[in-house]
Amino acid sequence: MIKFIIAFLALIGGSGLAIQSQINAIFSKKVGVFEGASISFAVGALALFFFAFFFGKGNFLYVFSAPKRELVADY
């Protein structure tokens, strides 16, 4: 059963990538390249926010208490 679910999610993900490129092309023709990209990123960010809010394990406010030194890469 789990193999079926994984295969189904892979199919949905691949279909979503193919559809997104066509939607972005339509947006770029109708509203402009940067405006279409903004709409695409905004919808994706909003979907990810709701997914993380309802299904995530953490608390968004813990982001502000993360150690700052570990967030900066040493180059």
C-alpha atoms as a PDB file:
ATOM      1  CA  MET A   1       0.000   0.000   0.000  1.00  0.00           C
ATOM      2  CA  ILE A   2       2.819   2.419   0.843  1.00  0.00           C
ATOM      3  CA  LYS A   3       4.416   1.812  -2.573  1.00  0.00           C
ATOM      4  CA  PHE A   4       1.154   2.837  -4.227  1.00  0.00           C
ATOM      5  CA  ILE A   5       1.012   6.048  -2.186  1.00  0.00           C
ATOM      6  CA  ILE A   6       4.625   6.920  -3.017  1.00  0.00           C
ATOM      7  CA  ALA A   7       4.059   6.232  -6.720  1.00  0.00           C
ATOM      8  CA  PHE A   8       0.885   8.327  -6.663  1.00  0.00           C
ATOM      9  CA  LEU A   9       2.665  11.255  -4.975  1.00  0.00           C
ATOM     10  CA  ALA A  10       5.504  11.026  -7.506  1.00  0.00           C
ATOM     11  CA  LEU A  11       2.963  11.120 -10.341  1.00  0.00           C
ATOM     12  CA  ILE A  12       1.219  14.151  -8.844  1.00  0.00           C
ATOM     13  CA  GLY A  13       4.539  15.924  -8.292  1.00  0.00           C
ATOM     14  CA  GLY A  14       5.725  15.312 -11.845  1.00  0.00           C
ATOM     15  CA  SER A  15       2.398  16.432 -13.267  1.00  0.00           C
ATOM     16  CA  GLY A  16       2.511  19.552 -11.130  1.00  0.00           C
ATOM     17  CA  LEU A  17       5.934  20.504 -12.483  1.00  0.00           C
ATOM     18  CA  ALA A  18       4.755  20.092 -16.059  1.00  0.00           C
ATOM     19  CA  ILE A  19       1.607  22.114 -15.453  1.00  0.00           C
ATOM     20  CA  GLN A  20       3.431  24.877 -13.567  1.00  0.00           C
ATOM     21  CA  SER A  21       5.683  25.684 -16.519  1.00  0.00           C
ATOM     22  CA  GLN A  22       2.670  26.113 -18.773  1.00  0.00           C
ATOM     23  CA  ILE A  23       0.866  28.280 -16.226  1.00  0.00           C
ATOM     24  CA  ASN A  24       3.976  30.455 -15.834  1.00  0.00           C
ATOM     25  CA  ALA A  25       4.166  30.872 -19.630  1.00  0.00           C
ATOM     26  CA  ILE A  26       0.527  32.003 -19.732  1.00  0.00           C
ATOM     27  CA  PHE A  27       1.119  34.433 -16.849  1.00  0.00           C
ATOM     28  CA  SER A  28       4.183  35.899 -18.562  1.00  0.00           C
ATOM     29  CA  LYS A  29       2.210  36.551 -21.751  1.00  0.00           C
ATOM     30  CA  LYS A  30      -0.816  38.045 -19.998  1.00  0.00           C
ATOM     31  CA  VAL A  31       0.639  40.077 -17.119  1.00  0.00           C
ATOM     32  CA  GLY A  32       4.403  40.159 -17.712  1.00  0.00           C
ATOM     33  CA  VAL A  33       7.382  38.040 -16.743  1.00  0.00           C
ATOM     34  CA  PHE A  34       8.082  39.492 -13.307  1.00  0.00           C
ATOM     35  CA  GLU A  35       4.424  39.804 -12.383  1.00  0.00           C
ATOM     36  CA  GLY A  36       3.764  36.200 -13.374  1.00  0.00           C
ATOM     37  CA  ALA A  37       6.772  35.006 -11.390  1.00  0.00           C
ATOM     38  CA  SER A  38       5.558  37.017  -8.392  1.00  0.00           C
ATOM     39  CA  ILE A  39       2.139  35.396  -8.567  1.00  0.00           C
ATOM     40  CA  SER A  40       3.689  31.947  -8.879  1.00  0.00           C
ATOM     41  CA  PHE A  41       6.027  32.467  -5.915  1.00  0.00           C
ATOM     42  CA  ALA A  42       3.280  34.025  -3.787  1.00  0.00           C
ATOM     43  CA  VAL A  43       0.895  31.116  -4.357  1.00  0.00           C
ATOM     44  CA  GLY A  44       3.668  28.600  -3.636  1.00  0.00           C
ATOM     45  CA  ALA A  45       4.770  30.431  -0.489  1.00  0.00           C
ATOM     46  CA  LEU A  46       1.193  30.672   0.756  1.00  0.00           C
ATOM     47  CA  ALA A  47       0.583  26.968   0.145  1.00  0.00           C
ATOM     48  CA  LEU A  48       3.827  26.066   1.928  1.00  0.00           C
ATOM     49  CA  PHE A  49       2.945  28.320   4.871  1.00  0.00           C
ATOM     50  CA  PHE A  50      -0.435  26.641   5.359  1.00  0.00           C
ATOM     51  CA  PHE A  51       1.087  23.188   4.943  1.00  0.00           C
ATOM     52  CA  ALA A  52       3.757  23.954   7.559  1.00  0.00           C
ATOM     53  CA  PHE A  53       1.216  25.599   9.862  1.00  0.00           C
ATOM     54  CA  PHE A  54      -1.200  22.668   9.885  1.00  0.00           C
ATOM     55  CA  PHE A  55       1.158  19.706   9.447  1.00  0.00           C
ATOM     56  CA  GLY A  56       4.473  20.988  10.810  1.00  0.00           C
ATOM     57  CA  LYS A  57       5.949  19.947  14.130  1.00  0.00           C
ATOM     58  CA  GLY A  58       7.461  23.213  15.259  1.00  0.00           C
ATOM     59  CA  ASN A  59       6.489  26.699  16.191  1.00  0.00           C
ATOM     60  CA  PHE A  60       7.129  29.601  13.816  1.00  0.00           C
ATOM     61  CA  LEU A  61       8.184  31.833  16.700  1.00  0.00           C
ATOM     62  CA  TYR A  62      11.194  29.583  17.422  1.00  0.00           C
ATOM     63  CA  VAL A  63      12.815  31.084  14.330  1.00  0.00           C
ATOM     64  CA  PHE A  64      13.592  34.221  16.320  1.00  0.00           C
ATOM     65  CA  SER A  65      15.235  32.280  19.148  1.00  0.00           C
ATOM     66  CA  ALA A  66      17.614  30.315  16.881  1.00  0.00           C
ATOM     67  CA  PRO A  67      21.311  31.013  17.543  1.00  0.00           C
ATOM     68  CA  LYS A  68      22.435  33.652  15.057  1.00  0.00           C
ATOM     69  CA  ARG A  69      26.026  32.438  14.868  1.00  0.00           C
ATOM     70  CA  GLU A  70      25.003  29.018  13.543  1.00  0.00           C
ATOM     71  CA  LEU A  71      22.863  30.551  10.811  1.00  0.00           C
ATOM     72  CA  VAL A  72      25.803  32.358   9.179  1.00  0.00           C
ATOM     73  CA  ALA A  73      28.165  30.216   7.140  1.00  0.00           C
ATOM     74  CA  ASP A  74      31.889  30.658   7.688  1.00  0.00           C
ATOM     75  CA  TYR A  75      33.646  31.288   4.386  1.00  0.00           C
END
